[in-house]
Amino acid sequence: MEFYEDYFEKNPVEAIKAGKDKDGNIQFVTGDPLIDRWEEQIAKGIMPDLTEGMTSEEILKLKEEREAAKSKKQKDVSPLWRRKHW
């Protein structure tokens, strides 16, 4: 692995060539079917569904954590900034 890191660091164009698929899109292959599908979608300009491999419980927990983070961020905004920007 270190060989490739060193080689591609010295030859960045070769890294791009190595990452191209048959259509010329840059796509990295990891060996994980889910990640490789996402990489293929990204290479084609499609936004992958990053919750695809999650259970409904995990998706719900993610949404709850996101809402909690938004709420905390709004509370952490200083009153002076809030007055100026809201």
N, C-alpha and C. Protein backbone atom coordinates (compact mmCIF):
# COMPACT_ATOMS: atom_id res chain seq x y z
N MET A 1 0.83 -1.19 0.00
CA MET A 1 0.00 0.00 0.00
C MET A 1 0.87 1.25 0.00
N GLU A 2 1.90 1.26 0.80
CA GLU A 2 2.77 2.43 0.86
C GLU A 2 3.43 2.71 -0.48
N PHE A 3 3.71 1.64 -1.23
CA PHE A 3 4.28 1.82 -2.56
C PHE A 3 3.36 2.69 -3.41
N TYR A 4 2.05 2.36 -3.41
CA TYR A 4 1.10 3.11 -4.21
C TYR A 4 0.97 4.55 -3.71
N GLU A 5 0.96 4.74 -2.40
CA GLU A 5 0.90 6.09 -1.85
C GLU A 5 2.08 6.91 -2.35
N ASP A 6 3.27 6.34 -2.25
CA ASP A 6 4.47 7.06 -2.69
C ASP A 6 4.44 7.30 -4.20
N TYR A 7 4.05 6.27 -4.96
CA TYR A 7 4.03 6.38 -6.41
C TYR A 7 3.04 7.45 -6.87
N PHE A 8 1.81 7.39 -6.33
CA PHE A 8 0.79 8.35 -6.74
C PHE A 8 1.08 9.76 -6.25
N GLU A 9 1.76 9.87 -5.13
CA GLU A 9 2.16 11.20 -4.66
C GLU A 9 3.14 11.83 -5.63
N LYS A 10 4.05 11.02 -6.16
CA LYS A 10 5.04 11.52 -7.13
C LYS A 10 4.45 11.65 -8.53
N ASN A 11 3.41 10.88 -8.84
CA ASN A 11 2.79 10.85 -10.17
C ASN A 11 1.27 10.99 -10.06
N PRO A 12 0.76 12.17 -9.68
CA PRO A 12 -0.67 12.31 -9.45
C PRO A 12 -1.54 12.00 -10.67
N VAL A 13 -1.04 12.23 -11.86
CA VAL A 13 -1.83 11.93 -13.06
C VAL A 13 -2.09 10.43 -13.16
N GLU A 14 -1.16 9.62 -12.71
CA GLU A 14 -1.33 8.17 -12.73
C GLU A 14 -2.45 7.74 -11.77
N ALA A 15 -2.62 8.46 -10.69
CA ALA A 15 -3.70 8.14 -9.74
C ALA A 15 -5.05 8.36 -10.41
N ILE A 16 -5.16 9.41 -11.19
CA ILE A 16 -6.42 9.69 -11.89
C ILE A 16 -6.68 8.61 -12.94
N LYS A 17 -5.63 8.23 -13.67
CA LYS A 17 -5.78 7.16 -14.67
C LYS A 17 -6.22 5.86 -14.01
N ALA A 18 -5.64 5.54 -12.88
CA ALA A 18 -5.96 4.29 -12.18
C ALA A 18 -7.38 4.29 -11.64
N GLY A 19 -7.92 5.47 -11.35
CA GLY A 19 -9.26 5.56 -10.77
C GLY A 19 -10.37 5.69 -11.78
N LYS A 20 -10.05 5.72 -13.08
CA LYS A 20 -11.09 5.90 -14.10
C LYS A 20 -11.76 4.58 -14.45
N ASP A 21 -13.08 4.66 -14.63
CA ASP A 21 -13.81 3.48 -15.07
C ASP A 21 -13.82 3.41 -16.60
N LYS A 22 -14.54 2.46 -17.16
CA LYS A 22 -14.53 2.26 -18.61
C LYS A 22 -15.10 3.44 -19.39
N ASP A 23 -15.94 4.26 -18.74
CA ASP A 23 -16.52 5.44 -19.39
C ASP A 23 -15.68 6.69 -19.18
N GLY A 24 -14.56 6.56 -18.47
CA GLY A 24 -13.69 7.71 -18.24
C GLY A 24 -14.03 8.50 -16.98
N ASN A 25 -15.04 8.04 -16.23
CA ASN A 25 -15.36 8.69 -14.96
C ASN A 25 -14.39 8.23 -13.89
N ILE A 26 -14.03 9.14 -13.00
CA ILE A 26 -13.14 8.77 -11.90
C ILE A 26 -13.96 8.06 -10.84
N GLN A 27 -13.63 6.81 -10.60
CA GLN A 27 -14.35 6.01 -9.63
C GLN A 27 -13.37 5.12 -8.89
N PHE A 28 -13.42 5.17 -7.59
CA PHE A 28 -12.53 4.35 -6.78
C PHE A 28 -13.26 3.09 -6.33
N VAL A 29 -12.59 1.97 -6.42
CA VAL A 29 -13.17 0.69 -6.07
C VAL A 29 -12.58 0.23 -4.75
N THR A 30 -13.46 -0.05 -3.79
CA THR A 30 -13.01 -0.43 -2.46
C THR A 30 -13.15 -1.92 -2.19
N GLY A 31 -14.02 -2.59 -2.96
CA GLY A 31 -14.32 -3.99 -2.70
C GLY A 31 -15.57 -4.17 -1.87
N ASP A 32 -16.07 -3.09 -1.25
CA ASP A 32 -17.32 -3.12 -0.50
C ASP A 32 -18.45 -2.80 -1.48
N PRO A 33 -19.40 -3.71 -1.69
CA PRO A 33 -20.43 -3.48 -2.70
C PRO A 33 -21.23 -2.19 -2.50
N LEU A 34 -21.56 -1.85 -1.27
CA LEU A 34 -22.33 -0.65 -1.01
C LEU A 34 -21.51 0.61 -1.33
N ILE A 35 -20.30 0.66 -0.83
CA ILE A 35 -19.43 1.83 -1.07
C ILE A 35 -19.12 1.94 -2.56
N ASP A 36 -18.85 0.82 -3.21
CA ASP A 36 -18.56 0.85 -4.64
C ASP A 36 -19.76 1.34 -5.45
N ARG A 37 -20.98 0.98 -5.05
CA ARG A 37 -22.19 1.48 -5.72
C ARG A 37 -22.29 3.00 -5.54
N TRP A 38 -22.02 3.48 -4.32
CA TRP A 38 -22.04 4.93 -4.08
C TRP A 38 -21.00 5.62 -4.93
N GLU A 39 -19.79 5.05 -4.99
CA GLU A 39 -18.72 5.65 -5.80
C GLU A 39 -19.13 5.71 -7.27
N GLU A 40 -19.78 4.66 -7.76
CA GLU A 40 -20.24 4.64 -9.15
C GLU A 40 -21.29 5.72 -9.37
N GLN A 41 -22.21 5.87 -8.44
CA GLN A 41 -23.25 6.90 -8.57
C GLN A 41 -22.62 8.29 -8.55
N ILE A 42 -21.68 8.52 -7.66
CA ILE A 42 -21.01 9.82 -7.58
C ILE A 42 -20.28 10.11 -8.89
N ALA A 43 -19.59 9.10 -9.44
CA ALA A 43 -18.87 9.27 -10.70
C ALA A 43 -19.81 9.65 -11.83
N LYS A 44 -21.06 9.20 -11.75
CA LYS A 44 -22.05 9.52 -12.78
C LYS A 44 -22.81 10.82 -12.48
N GLY A 45 -22.48 11.46 -11.37
CA GLY A 45 -23.14 12.71 -11.01
C GLY A 45 -24.44 12.52 -10.26
N ILE A 46 -24.67 11.32 -9.75
CA ILE A 46 -25.88 11.00 -9.00
C ILE A 46 -25.57 11.09 -7.51
N MET A 47 -26.45 11.74 -6.75
CA MET A 47 -26.27 11.80 -5.30
C MET A 47 -26.75 10.48 -4.70
N PRO A 48 -25.84 9.71 -4.10
CA PRO A 48 -26.26 8.42 -3.53
C PRO A 48 -27.07 8.61 -2.25
N ASP A 49 -27.89 7.61 -1.97
CA ASP A 49 -28.66 7.59 -0.73
C ASP A 49 -27.76 7.02 0.36
N LEU A 50 -27.20 7.89 1.18
CA LEU A 50 -26.23 7.46 2.19
C LEU A 50 -26.88 6.74 3.36
N THR A 51 -28.19 6.70 3.38
CA THR A 51 -28.88 5.93 4.43
C THR A 51 -29.24 4.53 3.92
N GLU A 52 -28.85 4.21 2.71
CA GLU A 52 -29.21 2.94 2.07
C GLU A 52 -28.88 1.71 2.91
N GLY A 53 -27.76 1.70 3.56
CA GLY A 53 -27.36 0.53 4.34
C GLY A 53 -27.83 0.56 5.79
N MET A 54 -28.67 1.53 6.13
CA MET A 54 -29.09 1.69 7.53
C MET A 54 -30.47 1.08 7.76
N THR A 55 -30.70 0.67 9.00
CA THR A 55 -32.03 0.20 9.40
C THR A 55 -32.92 1.41 9.64
N SER A 56 -34.23 1.20 9.71
CA SER A 56 -35.15 2.31 9.96
C SER A 56 -34.89 2.94 11.33
N GLU A 57 -34.46 2.12 12.31
CA GLU A 57 -34.13 2.65 13.64
C GLU A 57 -32.90 3.56 13.57
N GLU A 58 -31.90 3.16 12.78
CA GLU A 58 -30.69 3.97 12.64
C GLU A 58 -30.99 5.29 11.94
N ILE A 59 -31.86 5.24 10.93
CA ILE A 59 -32.24 6.47 10.22
C ILE A 59 -32.97 7.41 11.16
N LEU A 60 -33.89 6.89 11.96
CA LEU A 60 -34.62 7.71 12.93
C LEU A 60 -33.66 8.34 13.93
N LYS A 61 -32.72 7.55 14.44
CA LYS A 61 -31.74 8.08 15.40
C LYS A 61 -30.90 9.17 14.76
N LEU A 62 -30.50 8.98 13.51
CA LEU A 62 -29.72 9.99 12.79
C LEU A 62 -30.50 11.29 12.67
N LYS A 63 -31.78 11.20 12.32
CA LYS A 63 -32.63 12.39 12.21
C LYS A 63 -32.75 13.10 13.55
N GLU A 64 -32.92 12.34 14.62
CA GLU A 64 -33.03 12.94 15.96
C GLU A 64 -31.73 13.64 16.34
N GLU A 65 -30.60 13.01 16.06
CA GLU A 65 -29.30 13.62 16.38
C GLU A 65 -29.08 14.88 15.56
N ARG A 66 -29.50 14.86 14.29
CA ARG A 66 -29.35 16.04 13.43
C ARG A 66 -30.19 17.20 13.97
N GLU A 67 -31.43 16.92 14.37
CA GLU A 67 -32.30 17.96 14.92
C GLU A 67 -31.74 18.51 16.23
N ALA A 68 -31.20 17.64 17.07
CA ALA A 68 -30.61 18.08 18.33
C ALA A 68 -29.40 18.97 18.06
N ALA A 69 -28.60 18.63 17.07
CA ALA A 69 -27.43 19.44 16.73
C ALA A 69 -27.86 20.80 16.19
N LYS A 70 -28.90 20.83 15.36
CA LYS A 70 -29.41 22.11 14.84
C LYS A 70 -29.90 22.98 15.99
N SER A 71 -30.65 22.37 16.91
CA SER A 71 -31.19 23.11 18.05
C SER A 71 -30.07 23.68 18.91
N LYS A 72 -29.05 22.86 19.17
CA LYS A 72 -27.92 23.31 19.98
C LYS A 72 -27.17 24.43 19.28
N LYS A 73 -27.01 24.33 17.97
CA LYS A 73 -26.30 25.36 17.22
C LYS A 73 -27.04 26.68 17.33
N GLN A 74 -28.36 26.64 17.22
CA GLN A 74 -29.14 27.87 17.32
C GLN A 74 -29.04 28.48 18.71
N LYS A 75 -28.96 27.64 19.74
CA LYS A 75 -28.83 28.15 21.10
C LYS A 75 -27.44 28.73 21.36
N ASP A 76 -26.42 28.18 20.66
CA ASP A 76 -25.05 28.62 20.86
C ASP A 76 -24.72 29.92 20.14
N VAL A 77 -25.60 30.40 19.27
CA VAL A 77 -25.34 31.64 18.55
C VAL A 77 -25.44 32.80 19.52
N SER A 78 -24.44 33.67 19.46
CA SER A 78 -24.44 34.79 20.40
C SER A 78 -25.60 35.74 20.10
N PRO A 79 -26.13 36.40 21.13
CA PRO A 79 -27.23 37.34 20.92
C PRO A 79 -26.87 38.47 19.96
N LEU A 80 -25.61 38.92 19.99
CA LEU A 80 -25.20 40.00 19.08
C LEU A 80 -25.25 39.53 17.63
N TRP A 81 -24.77 38.33 17.37
CA TRP A 81 -24.83 37.81 16.00
C TRP A 81 -26.28 37.60 15.58
N ARG A 82 -27.08 37.06 16.49
CA ARG A 82 -28.48 36.79 16.20
C ARG A 82 -29.20 38.09 15.84
N ARG A 83 -28.94 39.15 16.59
CA ARG A 83 -29.59 40.43 16.36
C ARG A 83 -29.21 40.98 14.98
N LYS A 84 -27.95 40.79 14.60
CA LYS A 84 -27.45 41.33 13.34
C LYS A 84 -27.93 40.51 12.14
N HIS A 85 -28.03 39.18 12.28
CA HIS A 85 -28.29 38.33 11.13
C HIS A 85 -29.69 37.74 11.08
N TRP A 86 -30.49 37.86 12.12
CA TRP A 86 -31.83 37.26 12.08
C TRP A 86 -32.87 38.29 11.99
